[in-house]
Protein backbone atom coordinates (compact mmCIF):
# COMPACT_ATOMS: atom_id res chain seq x y z
CA MET A 1 146.63 82.29 92.68
CA GLU A 2 147.86 83.05 89.19
CA ILE A 3 144.33 82.84 87.83
CA VAL A 4 143.16 85.44 90.37
CA HIS A 5 146.14 87.67 89.54
CA ASN A 6 145.41 87.44 85.79
CA PHE A 7 141.74 88.21 86.35
CA LEU A 8 142.52 91.29 88.45
CA LEU A 9 145.00 92.46 85.83
CA ASN A 10 142.39 92.02 83.09
CA PHE A 11 139.86 93.84 85.24
CA ARG A 12 142.20 96.83 85.72
CA LEU A 13 143.08 96.92 82.03
CA ALA A 14 139.42 96.73 80.99
CA TYR A 15 138.46 99.52 83.38
CA ARG A 16 141.32 101.72 82.15
CA ASN A 17 140.40 101.10 78.52
CA ILE A 18 136.71 102.00 78.84
CA ILE A 19 137.44 105.08 80.96
CA SER A 20 140.05 106.30 78.47
CA ALA A 21 137.42 106.08 75.69
CA GLY A 22 135.85 109.20 77.19
CA LEU A 23 132.51 110.45 75.86
CA ARG A 24 131.75 107.27 73.89
CA THR A 25 131.92 105.25 77.13
CA TRP A 26 129.63 107.55 79.07
CA LEU A 27 127.08 107.74 76.27
CA THR A 28 126.92 103.94 76.22
CA ILE A 29 126.67 103.72 80.02
CA THR A 30 124.00 106.44 80.16
CA THR A 31 121.89 104.68 77.53
CA LEU A 32 122.12 101.35 79.33
CA ALA A 33 121.51 102.93 82.77
CA PHE A 34 118.40 104.71 81.45
CA ALA A 35 117.04 101.47 80.00
CA PHE A 36 117.77 99.69 83.28
CA LEU A 37 116.01 102.44 85.26
CA LEU A 38 112.85 102.30 83.12
CA ILE A 39 112.72 98.51 83.26
CA LEU A 40 112.99 98.60 87.06
CA PHE A 41 110.40 101.38 87.33
CA PHE A 42 107.71 99.76 85.19
CA ASN A 43 108.24 96.30 86.71
CA SER A 44 108.07 97.83 90.19
CA LEU A 45 104.88 99.67 89.20
CA TYR A 46 103.20 96.45 88.05
CA THR A 47 104.44 94.60 91.14
CA GLY A 48 103.02 97.33 93.35
CA TRP A 49 99.72 97.29 91.47
CA GLU A 50 99.47 93.51 91.87
CA TYR A 51 100.25 93.66 95.59
CA GLN A 52 97.86 96.57 96.18
CA GLY A 53 95.07 95.00 94.12
CA ILE A 54 95.38 91.62 95.86
CA ARG A 55 95.38 93.27 99.28
CA ASP A 56 92.36 95.46 98.46
CA GLN A 57 90.32 92.59 97.05
CA ILE A 58 91.07 90.40 100.07
CA ASP A 59 90.20 93.24 102.46
CA TRP A 60 86.99 94.27 100.70
CA GLU A 61 85.60 91.21 98.94
CA TYR A 62 87.37 87.85 99.13
CA ALA A 63 88.49 87.59 102.79
CA ASP A 64 90.26 84.23 103.31
CA GLY A 65 88.16 82.56 100.63
CA GLN A 66 84.52 82.08 99.75
CA ILE A 67 82.02 79.24 99.98
CA ILE A 68 79.75 79.64 96.95
CA GLN A 69 76.44 77.98 96.14
CA THR A 70 77.10 75.58 93.27
CA ASP A 71 74.40 77.08 91.02
CA TYR A 72 75.64 80.64 91.50
CA ASP A 73 78.03 82.12 88.95
CA LYS A 74 79.30 85.66 89.55
CA LEU A 75 79.60 86.24 85.83
CA ASP A 76 76.02 85.13 85.14
CA PRO A 77 73.33 87.47 86.57
CA PHE A 78 70.63 84.94 85.69
CA SER A 79 72.10 82.52 88.26
CA ILE A 80 71.25 84.88 91.14
CA GLU A 81 67.65 83.69 91.26
CA SER A 82 68.53 80.01 91.60
CA GLY A 83 72.03 80.19 93.11
CA HIS A 84 71.12 80.30 96.81
CA ALA A 85 70.55 77.81 99.61
CA GLN A 86 70.26 77.59 103.40
CA MET A 87 73.28 79.27 104.95
CA LEU A 88 75.99 77.33 106.77
CA ASP A 89 75.96 78.01 110.49
CA GLN A 90 79.64 78.25 111.40
CA PRO A 91 81.29 81.05 113.40
CA GLN A 92 84.05 81.74 110.86
CA LEU A 93 81.54 82.22 108.02
CA THR A 94 79.62 85.37 107.06
CA PRO A 95 76.69 84.78 104.67
CA VAL A 96 75.90 87.13 101.78
CA LEU A 97 72.55 87.12 99.98
CA ILE A 98 72.11 88.81 96.60
CA ARG A 99 68.86 89.89 94.99
CA GLN A 100 68.10 91.98 91.93
CA GLY A 101 66.17 95.21 92.26
CA ASN A 102 65.57 98.69 90.91
CA LEU A 103 66.30 102.09 92.43
CA TYR A 104 64.43 105.22 91.40
CA PRO A 105 66.71 108.19 92.17
CA GLN A 106 65.22 111.50 90.96
CA GLY A 107 62.61 109.52 89.07
CA ARG A 108 65.16 107.55 87.05
CA LEU A 109 65.21 103.76 86.76
CA LEU A 110 68.46 102.20 87.97
CA PRO A 111 68.86 98.40 87.91
CA ILE A 112 70.99 97.30 90.85
CA LEU A 113 72.04 94.34 92.97
CA ILE A 114 70.86 94.30 96.58
CA LYS A 115 73.46 92.60 98.76
CA GLY A 116 72.74 91.57 102.32
CA ILE A 117 75.52 91.09 104.86
CA SER A 118 75.60 90.82 108.63
CA VAL A 119 75.75 94.09 110.57
CA ASP A 120 78.38 92.76 112.99
CA GLN A 121 80.74 91.21 110.42
CA GLN A 122 84.41 92.07 110.72
CA ILE A 123 85.78 89.98 107.86
CA VAL A 124 85.77 92.69 105.19
CA LYS A 125 86.11 96.46 105.39
CA LEU A 126 82.50 97.28 104.47
CA PRO A 127 81.23 99.74 107.13
CA THR A 128 78.26 97.56 108.09
CA ALA A 129 78.20 98.99 111.65
CA ALA A 130 76.33 101.93 110.08
CA PHE A 131 73.22 99.69 109.86
CA SER A 132 72.90 99.45 113.64
CA GLN A 133 73.56 103.16 114.09
CA SER A 134 70.55 104.12 111.97
CA LYS A 135 66.89 104.23 112.98
CA ASP A 136 65.63 104.14 109.39
CA ASP A 137 63.51 101.22 108.15
CA ILE A 138 66.01 100.11 105.50
CA PRO A 139 69.45 101.66 106.03
CA ALA A 140 71.85 101.06 103.12
CA ILE A 141 75.47 101.76 102.33
CA ILE A 142 76.97 102.34 98.89
CA GLY A 143 80.41 102.89 97.39
CA ASP A 144 81.69 106.29 96.32
CA GLY A 145 81.65 105.21 92.67
CA MET A 146 77.96 104.33 92.89
CA ALA A 147 77.30 107.63 94.68
CA THR A 148 79.24 109.69 92.13
CA ASP A 149 77.70 108.05 89.07
CA ASN A 150 74.14 108.52 90.34
CA HIS A 151 74.51 111.79 92.30
CA LEU A 152 73.67 110.19 95.66
CA LYS A 153 74.70 111.37 99.10
CA ILE A 154 74.32 110.38 102.74
CA GLY A 155 70.78 110.96 103.97
CA ASP A 156 69.12 110.48 100.57
CA GLN A 157 65.88 108.51 100.66
CA ILE A 158 65.26 106.55 97.47
CA LEU A 159 62.49 104.21 96.35
CA LEU A 160 63.69 100.61 96.02
CA ARG A 161 61.71 97.87 94.28
CA TRP A 162 62.53 94.19 94.59
CA LYS A 163 60.97 90.76 94.13
CA ASP A 164 60.42 88.30 96.98
CA LYS A 165 60.83 84.52 96.88
CA ASN A 166 57.32 84.09 95.41
CA GLY A 167 57.99 86.49 92.55
CA THR A 168 55.85 89.26 94.04
CA PHE A 169 57.13 92.80 93.65
CA ASP A 170 57.37 95.12 96.63
CA ALA A 171 58.77 98.61 97.12
CA LYS A 172 59.97 100.76 100.04
CA GLN A 173 62.11 103.77 100.74
CA ILE A 174 65.74 103.09 101.63
CA THR A 175 68.08 105.59 103.30
CA ILE A 176 71.73 106.01 102.38
CA VAL A 177 73.46 106.01 105.79
CA ASP A 178 77.09 105.76 104.69
CA ILE A 179 79.25 106.01 101.58
CA PHE A 180 82.52 104.06 101.61
CA LYS A 181 85.58 104.64 99.46
CA THR A 182 87.16 101.60 97.89
CA ASN A 183 89.41 100.66 94.97
CA VAL A 184 87.43 97.45 94.36
CA PRO A 185 84.63 98.19 91.85
CA THR A 186 83.02 94.76 92.29
CA VAL A 187 81.71 95.79 95.74
CA ASP A 188 80.76 99.26 94.55
CA GLY A 189 79.28 99.77 91.10
CA GLY A 190 75.58 99.12 90.55
CA GLN A 191 74.86 97.74 94.03
CA ILE A 192 73.72 98.64 97.52
CA TRP A 193 74.47 96.84 100.79
CA VAL A 194 71.87 96.27 103.51
CA ASP A 195 71.68 94.21 106.68
CA ILE A 196 71.10 90.59 105.72
CA HIS A 197 68.38 90.21 108.36
CA THR A 198 66.51 93.09 106.71
CA LEU A 199 66.93 91.50 103.27
CA TRP A 200 65.65 88.16 104.62
CA GLU A 201 62.51 89.91 105.87
CA MET A 202 62.08 91.80 102.60
CA THR A 203 62.31 88.67 100.43
CA GLY A 204 61.05 85.95 102.78
CA MET A 205 64.27 84.00 102.11
CA GLN A 206 65.08 83.36 105.75
CA ASN A 207 68.65 82.14 106.45
CA GLU A 208 69.51 81.83 102.75
CA ALA A 209 72.72 82.96 101.07
CA ASN A 210 74.45 82.98 97.70
CA TYR A 211 77.91 82.72 99.20
CA HIS A 212 79.84 82.95 102.47
CA LEU A 213 82.94 84.88 103.37
CA VAL A 214 85.53 82.75 105.18
CA LYS A 215 87.68 83.99 108.04
CA GLY A 216 90.79 81.96 108.82
CA THR A 217 91.18 78.32 107.87
CA PHE A 218 88.32 76.17 106.66
CA GLU A 219 87.97 72.42 106.43
CA ASP A 220 86.44 71.46 103.13
CA ASN A 221 83.68 69.05 104.22
CA LEU A 222 80.85 70.64 102.24
CA SER A 223 77.71 69.15 100.77
CA ASP A 224 76.99 69.14 97.05
CA GLN A 225 75.21 72.49 97.39
CA TRP A 226 78.38 74.41 98.19
CA ARG A 227 81.91 74.73 96.83
CA PHE A 228 84.94 76.37 98.38
CA GLU A 229 87.14 78.79 96.42
CA SER A 230 90.46 79.84 97.94
CA GLN A 231 92.05 83.28 97.66
CA GLN A 232 94.29 81.99 94.87
CA GLU A 233 91.31 80.80 92.83
CA LEU A 234 89.37 84.02 93.38
CA LEU A 235 92.36 86.20 92.49
CA LYS A 236 93.63 84.25 89.48
CA GLU A 237 91.84 86.45 86.92
CA PHE A 238 93.29 89.63 88.43
CA VAL A 239 96.79 88.12 88.60
CA ALA A 240 96.45 86.93 84.98
CA MET A 241 95.44 90.44 83.90
CA VAL A 242 98.49 91.99 85.64
CA ASP A 243 100.74 89.34 84.06
CA MET A 244 99.25 90.18 80.66
CA LYS A 245 100.02 93.86 81.23
CA LYS A 246 103.57 92.94 82.22
CA GLY A 247 103.90 90.87 79.06
CA SER A 248 102.63 93.68 76.85
CA SER A 249 105.19 96.04 78.44
CA ALA A 250 107.97 93.61 77.53
CA PHE A 251 107.94 95.15 74.03
CA LEU A 252 109.10 98.44 75.56
CA TYR A 253 111.83 96.67 77.52
CA ILE A 254 113.06 94.92 74.39
CA ILE A 255 113.31 98.20 72.47
CA LEU A 256 115.17 99.92 75.32
CA MET A 257 117.57 97.01 75.77
CA PHE A 258 118.06 96.70 72.01
CA ILE A 259 119.14 100.35 71.78
CA ALA A 260 121.50 99.97 74.73
CA LEU A 261 122.98 96.69 73.49
CA ILE A 262 123.47 98.14 70.01
CA ALA A 263 125.64 100.82 71.62
CA ILE A 264 127.74 98.14 73.34
CA PHE A 265 127.97 96.08 70.15
CA ASP A 266 129.10 99.14 68.19
CA SER A 267 131.77 99.89 70.80
CA GLN A 268 133.09 96.34 70.59
CA VAL A 269 133.17 96.36 66.79
CA PHE A 270 135.04 99.66 66.95
CA SER A 271 137.51 98.15 69.43
CA VAL A 272 138.27 95.12 67.26
CA PHE A 273 138.86 97.05 64.04
CA LYS A 274 140.43 100.24 65.42
CA ARG A 275 142.64 98.77 68.18
CA GLN A 276 144.45 96.06 66.27
CA LYS A 277 147.92 97.36 67.19
CA GLU A 278 146.87 97.21 70.84
CA ILE A 279 145.64 93.64 70.37
CA GLY A 280 148.95 92.68 68.73
CA THR A 281 150.87 94.33 71.56
CA TYR A 282 148.94 92.31 74.17
CA ILE A 283 149.75 89.09 72.28
CA ALA A 284 153.41 90.07 71.93
CA LEU A 285 153.55 90.64 75.70
CA GLY A 286 152.48 87.06 76.31
CA PHE A 287 148.68 87.28 76.33
CA THR A 288 147.00 84.37 74.62
CA LYS A 289 144.29 85.14 72.08
CA LYS A 290 141.71 83.70 74.45
CA ARG A 291 142.89 86.04 77.17
CA VAL A 292 142.70 89.04 74.84
CA THR A 293 139.22 87.95 73.81
CA PHE A 294 138.27 87.71 77.48
CA LEU A 295 139.74 91.19 78.11
CA PHE A 296 137.67 92.79 75.37
CA THR A 297 134.55 90.91 76.43
CA LEU A 298 135.14 92.12 79.98
CA GLU A 299 135.26 95.69 78.70
CA GLY A 300 131.78 95.32 77.24
CA THR A 301 130.54 93.65 80.41
CA MET A 302 131.89 96.53 82.48
CA TYR A 303 129.62 98.93 80.59
CA ALA A 304 126.69 96.98 81.97
CA PHE A 305 128.26 96.64 85.41
CA ILE A 306 128.81 100.39 85.77
CA ALA A 307 125.41 101.15 84.24
CA THR A 308 123.61 98.88 86.74
CA ILE A 309 125.48 100.52 89.64
CA ILE A 310 124.43 103.98 88.43
CA GLY A 311 120.91 102.81 87.60
CA THR A 312 120.52 101.16 91.01
CA ALA A 313 121.83 104.25 92.79
CA ILE A 314 119.15 106.33 91.06
CA SER A 315 116.25 103.87 90.91
CA VAL A 316 116.28 102.54 94.48
CA PRO A 317 115.76 105.91 96.23
CA LEU A 318 113.43 107.11 93.45
CA ILE A 319 111.18 104.03 93.53
CA THR A 320 111.29 103.95 97.33
CA TRP A 321 110.08 107.55 97.42
CA LEU A 322 107.36 106.85 94.85
CA GLY A 323 106.37 103.79 96.91
CA VAL A 324 105.48 106.20 99.72
CA GLU A 325 104.07 109.12 97.70
CA GLY A 326 102.47 107.07 94.93
CA VAL A 327 102.11 107.67 91.20
CA ASP A 328 98.94 109.67 90.51
CA LEU A 329 96.87 108.06 87.75
CA GLY A 330 94.27 110.83 87.63
CA ASN A 331 90.62 110.00 86.95
CA GLN A 332 89.93 106.28 87.30
CA ASP A 333 86.29 106.29 86.13
CA GLN A 334 87.05 104.17 83.06
CA SER A 335 88.94 101.53 85.06
CA ARG A 336 86.16 101.44 87.67
CA GLN A 337 83.46 101.04 85.02
CA MET A 338 85.45 98.17 83.49
CA GLY A 339 85.63 96.49 86.91
CA VAL A 340 89.43 96.78 87.19
CA THR A 341 90.81 97.07 90.71
CA VAL A 342 93.17 100.04 90.63
CA GLY A 343 93.55 102.99 92.96
CA GLU A 344 93.88 106.68 92.19
CA LYS A 345 97.56 106.20 92.97
CA LEU A 346 99.84 103.26 92.32
CA TYR A 347 102.66 102.56 94.74
CA PRO A 348 105.69 100.95 93.04
CA MET A 349 107.28 98.09 94.92
CA LEU A 350 110.92 97.24 94.25
CA THR A 351 111.74 93.79 95.58
CA SER A 352 115.22 92.37 95.96
CA GLY A 353 114.32 89.55 93.57
CA LEU A 354 113.24 92.03 90.88
CA LEU A 355 116.40 94.12 91.35
CA PHE A 356 118.83 91.19 91.23
CA SER A 357 117.07 89.48 88.31
CA SER A 358 117.16 92.74 86.31
CA VAL A 359 120.86 93.22 87.08
CA PHE A 360 121.55 89.59 86.10
CA TRP A 361 119.80 89.80 82.73
CA VAL A 362 121.30 93.17 81.81
CA ILE A 363 124.84 91.96 82.58
CA LEU A 364 124.28 88.57 80.90
CA LEU A 365 122.91 90.09 77.67
CA SER A 366 125.67 92.69 77.63
CA THR A 367 128.28 89.95 78.04
CA ILE A 368 126.85 87.96 75.14
CA VAL A 369 126.65 91.04 72.88
CA SER A 370 130.20 92.02 73.89
CA TYR A 371 131.57 88.58 73.02
CA LEU A 372 130.06 88.29 69.55
CA PRO A 373 132.28 90.89 67.79
CA VAL A 374 135.51 90.03 69.66
CA ARG A 375 135.45 86.40 68.55
CA LYS A 376 137.39 87.57 65.50
CA ILE A 377 140.43 88.21 67.70
CA ALA A 378 141.06 84.45 67.81
CA LYS A 379 141.40 84.42 63.98
CA MET A 380 143.79 87.39 63.78
CA ASN A 381 147.36 87.06 62.53
CA THR A 382 149.65 88.40 65.27
CA VAL A 383 152.14 90.08 62.87
CA ASP A 384 149.36 91.76 60.89
CA ALA A 385 147.78 92.90 64.14
CA LEU A 386 151.04 94.52 65.26
CA LYS A 387 151.27 96.29 61.90
CA GLY A 388 147.69 97.49 62.30
CA LYS A 389 146.52 95.74 59.14
CA LYS A 390 142.79 95.09 58.87
């Protein structure tokens, strides 16, 4: 009971001391609260980007995983020719066949990938139902990035040239029947989507596929021709990129925290060397040197405690609002051309784990920085302290 009483007394004394310091206290708290707010904001922004990017890539490209032909490598365009095999006939699988071709919009040569997918698939968000709604010979859909870069629109008829399984070139007019908007450039840039049955007829590669989209769970009992990649494996490069961005932003956090902690350190140094009579008075009243040290350390910790309360009161409603309205990033052409999944707006996401971990580290670092200068109290001579001697 006495321990609790002493702690509450120290808490009241510490609070009174920092409040009585006036402007110096509020400058320190404002600096620390601002650093805390920016750290929360940028971490929430990256968390929101990661969540949004993972969700978009699952919805548009990865589904619940992919079964990929062992000779096919997405990063190697030369593997397209050899990286295909007879499709797997299972209801939870949607086959995708890829072939290389050339488009000739307005007389220009445009190398592209021709991707075939089933018209009735419902695994990804590609609007493949548009194939069945068209009476054209080869209806095709493209992404808005592909349409913007090449000045294409719905209803355009463009000459397409491709090579069949025997290496013979053929050409026909395709019709753009739909343009979809997506944040995933790997299903958009430099490619068109057609019905896989049409692509089989065009190439003579009946029932062949480069990979399958998986819906739901899948039992891995594949032959040597196929390999299964889970969502985690497919997304690991994107997650690694976001983590790298988070790591590079840590430099900003360090600078902000360094400035804030310097303010706390300066306040504590000032307290030790300018409040020696007060320290001597505490000791004369029966405080041990350890208790006085704890009191002064608690003062520094309370800067962080008050700053995190103020920072939380500002950041939570602000980030929640931005999570609904989004942060406009402007033109995303460069990100799209680099193949980075990012929307026109990012929606910050503040999780309880991020909030509590940020509060913990700010208070912990402030406590450590507060303790370092006040260690000298334990070496003070009580009589000299009462006389105010330095």
